[in-house]
Amino acid sequence: MTDDVCDLCKGAGTWNGNPCVYCNGTGEWNQAAQSYVKNHICQCITLDRKFCPVCNKPCHHDTSLSPKQTIDSGHGGMSVPEIPM
């Protein structure tokens, strides 16, 4: 990608038929869009569950047509509650 266009909308100013939220429709490069594209969560669930609409790469999940979701047990990422001694 070039340094003078928005990484999300590729300089078009629109993304998925709406004004780009990162460049406000200007199509100009900005660090927020670059960071989002670089570290985004796979958005394949919004389309066909085969390709991510953000980066146009195959689904980032391990299984095709069945994206995995992590459900927190409520213990802050631990499988059991921490018991203080």
N, C-alpha and C. Protein backbone atom coordinates (compact mmCIF):
# COMPACT_ATOMS: atom_id res chain seq x y z
N MET A 1 0.83 -1.17 0.00
CA MET A 1 0.00 0.00 0.00
C MET A 1 0.88 1.23 0.00
N THR A 2 0.41 2.25 -0.63
CA THR A 2 1.20 3.47 -0.68
C THR A 2 0.97 4.28 0.58
N ASP A 3 1.89 5.20 0.82
CA ASP A 3 1.83 5.98 2.05
C ASP A 3 0.85 7.15 1.99
N ASP A 4 0.30 7.47 0.81
CA ASP A 4 -0.54 8.65 0.72
C ASP A 4 -2.04 8.35 0.63
N VAL A 5 -2.44 7.08 0.74
CA VAL A 5 -3.86 6.74 0.72
C VAL A 5 -4.23 5.96 1.97
N CYS A 6 -5.49 6.05 2.33
CA CYS A 6 -6.02 5.35 3.50
C CYS A 6 -5.89 3.85 3.28
N ASP A 7 -5.39 3.13 4.27
CA ASP A 7 -5.18 1.69 4.16
C ASP A 7 -6.50 0.91 4.14
N LEU A 8 -7.56 1.45 4.73
CA LEU A 8 -8.82 0.73 4.77
C LEU A 8 -9.59 0.89 3.44
N CYS A 9 -9.80 2.10 2.99
CA CYS A 9 -10.60 2.32 1.78
C CYS A 9 -9.75 2.39 0.52
N LYS A 10 -8.45 2.28 0.65
CA LYS A 10 -7.51 2.31 -0.48
C LYS A 10 -7.60 3.61 -1.26
N GLY A 11 -7.96 4.70 -0.58
CA GLY A 11 -8.01 6.02 -1.21
C GLY A 11 -9.34 6.37 -1.84
N ALA A 12 -10.31 5.46 -1.79
CA ALA A 12 -11.61 5.71 -2.43
C ALA A 12 -12.49 6.65 -1.62
N GLY A 13 -12.26 6.72 -0.32
CA GLY A 13 -13.09 7.56 0.54
C GLY A 13 -14.33 6.85 1.04
N THR A 14 -14.66 5.70 0.46
CA THR A 14 -15.81 4.92 0.91
C THR A 14 -15.37 3.49 1.15
N TRP A 15 -16.07 2.83 2.06
CA TRP A 15 -15.80 1.43 2.35
C TRP A 15 -17.13 0.75 2.60
N ASN A 16 -17.43 -0.30 1.86
CA ASN A 16 -18.71 -1.01 1.93
C ASN A 16 -19.90 -0.08 1.71
N GLY A 17 -19.74 0.87 0.80
CA GLY A 17 -20.83 1.77 0.45
C GLY A 17 -21.05 2.93 1.39
N ASN A 18 -20.23 3.07 2.39
CA ASN A 18 -20.36 4.17 3.36
C ASN A 18 -19.08 4.98 3.38
N PRO A 19 -19.15 6.25 3.81
CA PRO A 19 -17.91 7.02 3.94
C PRO A 19 -16.96 6.33 4.90
N CYS A 20 -15.69 6.29 4.56
CA CYS A 20 -14.68 5.64 5.40
C CYS A 20 -14.60 6.36 6.74
N VAL A 21 -14.70 5.60 7.83
CA VAL A 21 -14.68 6.20 9.17
C VAL A 21 -13.29 6.63 9.60
N TYR A 22 -12.26 6.12 8.94
CA TYR A 22 -10.90 6.46 9.35
C TYR A 22 -10.40 7.73 8.68
N CYS A 23 -10.71 7.94 7.41
CA CYS A 23 -10.21 9.13 6.71
C CYS A 23 -11.31 10.16 6.50
N ASN A 24 -12.51 9.91 7.04
CA ASN A 24 -13.67 10.79 6.89
C ASN A 24 -14.00 11.07 5.43
N GLY A 25 -13.79 10.08 4.59
CA GLY A 25 -14.14 10.20 3.18
C GLY A 25 -13.13 10.92 2.31
N THR A 26 -11.98 11.30 2.89
CA THR A 26 -10.98 12.02 2.11
C THR A 26 -10.08 11.08 1.33
N GLY A 27 -9.93 9.85 1.79
CA GLY A 27 -9.05 8.89 1.14
C GLY A 27 -7.59 9.08 1.49
N GLU A 28 -7.29 10.00 2.39
CA GLU A 28 -5.91 10.29 2.78
C GLU A 28 -5.40 9.30 3.82
N TRP A 29 -4.08 9.04 3.78
CA TRP A 29 -3.45 8.13 4.72
C TRP A 29 -3.61 8.64 6.14
N ASN A 30 -3.78 7.69 7.09
CA ASN A 30 -3.75 8.04 8.51
C ASN A 30 -3.31 6.82 9.29
N GLN A 31 -2.72 7.06 10.41
CA GLN A 31 -2.13 5.99 11.21
C GLN A 31 -3.19 5.06 11.81
N ALA A 32 -4.38 5.60 12.12
CA ALA A 32 -5.43 4.77 12.71
C ALA A 32 -5.86 3.68 11.75
N ALA A 33 -6.06 4.01 10.49
CA ALA A 33 -6.46 3.01 9.50
C ALA A 33 -5.35 1.99 9.28
N GLN A 34 -4.12 2.46 9.24
CA GLN A 34 -3.00 1.56 9.05
C GLN A 34 -2.91 0.56 10.20
N SER A 35 -3.07 1.04 11.43
CA SER A 35 -3.01 0.16 12.59
C SER A 35 -4.17 -0.83 12.60
N TYR A 36 -5.36 -0.36 12.21
CA TYR A 36 -6.52 -1.24 12.20
C TYR A 36 -6.34 -2.38 11.19
N VAL A 37 -5.90 -2.06 9.99
CA VAL A 37 -5.72 -3.08 8.97
C VAL A 37 -4.64 -4.07 9.39
N LYS A 38 -3.62 -3.57 10.03
CA LYS A 38 -2.50 -4.43 10.44
C LYS A 38 -2.91 -5.38 11.57
N ASN A 39 -3.80 -4.96 12.47
CA ASN A 39 -4.14 -5.75 13.66
C ASN A 39 -5.63 -6.02 13.80
N HIS A 40 -6.37 -6.10 12.70
CA HIS A 40 -7.81 -6.23 12.78
C HIS A 40 -8.27 -7.65 13.12
N ILE A 41 -9.47 -7.72 13.66
CA ILE A 41 -10.13 -8.99 13.91
C ILE A 41 -10.79 -9.39 12.59
N CYS A 42 -10.71 -10.65 12.23
CA CYS A 42 -11.27 -11.12 10.97
C CYS A 42 -12.76 -10.78 10.89
N GLN A 43 -13.16 -10.14 9.80
CA GLN A 43 -14.54 -9.73 9.60
C GLN A 43 -15.27 -10.62 8.60
N CYS A 44 -14.81 -11.86 8.41
CA CYS A 44 -15.42 -12.74 7.42
C CYS A 44 -16.88 -13.03 7.72
N ILE A 45 -17.29 -12.89 8.97
CA ILE A 45 -18.67 -13.18 9.34
C ILE A 45 -19.64 -12.18 8.69
N THR A 46 -19.15 -11.01 8.29
CA THR A 46 -20.03 -10.02 7.67
C THR A 46 -20.29 -10.33 6.21
N LEU A 47 -19.52 -11.22 5.60
CA LEU A 47 -19.74 -11.57 4.19
C LEU A 47 -20.05 -13.06 4.07
N ASP A 48 -19.13 -13.79 3.45
CA ASP A 48 -19.38 -15.19 3.13
C ASP A 48 -18.67 -16.17 4.05
N ARG A 49 -17.99 -15.68 5.07
CA ARG A 49 -17.22 -16.51 6.00
C ARG A 49 -16.06 -17.23 5.32
N LYS A 50 -15.65 -16.73 4.18
CA LYS A 50 -14.51 -17.30 3.47
C LYS A 50 -13.40 -16.28 3.30
N PHE A 51 -13.74 -15.00 3.13
CA PHE A 51 -12.76 -13.95 2.94
C PHE A 51 -13.05 -12.78 3.85
N CYS A 52 -12.00 -12.18 4.38
CA CYS A 52 -12.12 -11.01 5.24
C CYS A 52 -12.28 -9.77 4.36
N PRO A 53 -13.34 -8.96 4.54
CA PRO A 53 -13.52 -7.78 3.71
C PRO A 53 -12.52 -6.65 4.01
N VAL A 54 -11.83 -6.73 5.14
CA VAL A 54 -10.87 -5.69 5.49
C VAL A 54 -9.58 -5.86 4.69
N CYS A 55 -9.03 -7.08 4.66
CA CYS A 55 -7.75 -7.30 4.00
C CYS A 55 -7.86 -8.16 2.74
N ASN A 56 -9.07 -8.65 2.43
CA ASN A 56 -9.33 -9.49 1.25
C ASN A 56 -8.50 -10.76 1.24
N LYS A 57 -8.13 -11.25 2.41
CA LYS A 57 -7.40 -12.51 2.53
C LYS A 57 -8.37 -13.60 2.97
N PRO A 58 -8.00 -14.87 2.75
CA PRO A 58 -8.87 -15.95 3.24
C PRO A 58 -9.11 -15.81 4.73
N CYS A 59 -10.22 -16.34 5.18
CA CYS A 59 -10.63 -16.27 6.58
C CYS A 59 -9.46 -16.59 7.51
N HIS A 60 -9.31 -15.80 8.57
CA HIS A 60 -8.22 -15.97 9.51
C HIS A 60 -8.48 -17.07 10.53
N HIS A 61 -9.68 -17.63 10.52
CA HIS A 61 -10.02 -18.66 11.51
C HIS A 61 -9.49 -20.02 11.08
N ASP A 62 -9.46 -20.94 12.01
CA ASP A 62 -8.89 -22.27 11.76
C ASP A 62 -9.79 -23.17 10.91
N THR A 63 -11.10 -22.98 11.00
CA THR A 63 -12.01 -23.85 10.26
C THR A 63 -12.80 -23.03 9.26
N SER A 64 -12.98 -23.53 8.06
CA SER A 64 -13.74 -22.80 7.06
C SER A 64 -15.23 -22.86 7.37
N LEU A 65 -15.91 -21.78 7.08
CA LEU A 65 -17.35 -21.64 7.27
C LEU A 65 -17.80 -21.79 8.72
N SER A 66 -16.89 -21.78 9.66
CA SER A 66 -17.26 -21.90 11.06
C SER A 66 -16.27 -21.12 11.93
N PRO A 67 -16.32 -19.78 11.88
CA PRO A 67 -15.37 -19.01 12.69
C PRO A 67 -15.49 -19.35 14.17
N LYS A 68 -14.35 -19.44 14.82
CA LYS A 68 -14.34 -19.76 16.24
C LYS A 68 -14.49 -18.48 17.05
N GLN A 69 -15.19 -18.58 18.14
CA GLN A 69 -15.35 -17.46 19.04
C GLN A 69 -14.84 -17.88 20.41
N THR A 70 -14.10 -16.99 21.05
CA THR A 70 -13.61 -17.25 22.39
C THR A 70 -14.61 -16.67 23.38
N ILE A 71 -15.08 -17.49 24.27
CA ILE A 71 -16.03 -17.03 25.27
C ILE A 71 -15.33 -17.04 26.62
N ASP A 72 -15.25 -15.87 27.24
CA ASP A 72 -14.59 -15.74 28.53
C ASP A 72 -15.48 -16.33 29.61
N SER A 73 -14.90 -17.14 30.47
CA SER A 73 -15.66 -17.78 31.54
C SER A 73 -16.03 -16.82 32.66
N GLY A 74 -15.54 -15.62 32.59
CA GLY A 74 -15.83 -14.65 33.64
C GLY A 74 -14.73 -14.56 34.68
N HIS A 75 -13.64 -15.31 34.47
CA HIS A 75 -12.54 -15.32 35.42
C HIS A 75 -11.33 -14.59 34.87
N GLY A 76 -11.53 -13.66 33.96
CA GLY A 76 -10.43 -12.87 33.44
C GLY A 76 -9.45 -13.65 32.60
N GLY A 77 -9.92 -14.62 31.85
CA GLY A 77 -9.04 -15.39 30.98
C GLY A 77 -8.48 -16.65 31.61
N MET A 78 -8.74 -16.84 32.89
CA MET A 78 -8.29 -18.07 33.55
C MET A 78 -9.44 -19.07 33.53
N SER A 79 -9.13 -20.36 33.52
CA SER A 79 -10.19 -21.36 33.46
C SER A 79 -10.91 -21.55 34.78
N VAL A 80 -10.27 -21.19 35.88
CA VAL A 80 -10.90 -21.28 37.19
C VAL A 80 -10.61 -20.00 37.95
N PRO A 81 -11.47 -19.64 38.90
CA PRO A 81 -11.21 -18.43 39.66
C PRO A 81 -9.94 -18.56 40.51
N GLU A 82 -9.25 -17.46 40.66
CA GLU A 82 -8.03 -17.47 41.46
C GLU A 82 -8.41 -17.42 42.94
N ILE A 83 -7.88 -18.32 43.70
CA ILE A 83 -8.19 -18.38 45.13
C ILE A 83 -6.97 -17.83 45.89
N PRO A 84 -7.15 -16.67 46.54
CA PRO A 84 -6.02 -16.10 47.30
C PRO A 84 -5.69 -16.94 48.51
N MET A 85 -4.42 -17.08 48.81
CA MET A 85 -3.97 -17.89 49.95
C MET A 85 -3.77 -17.01 51.15
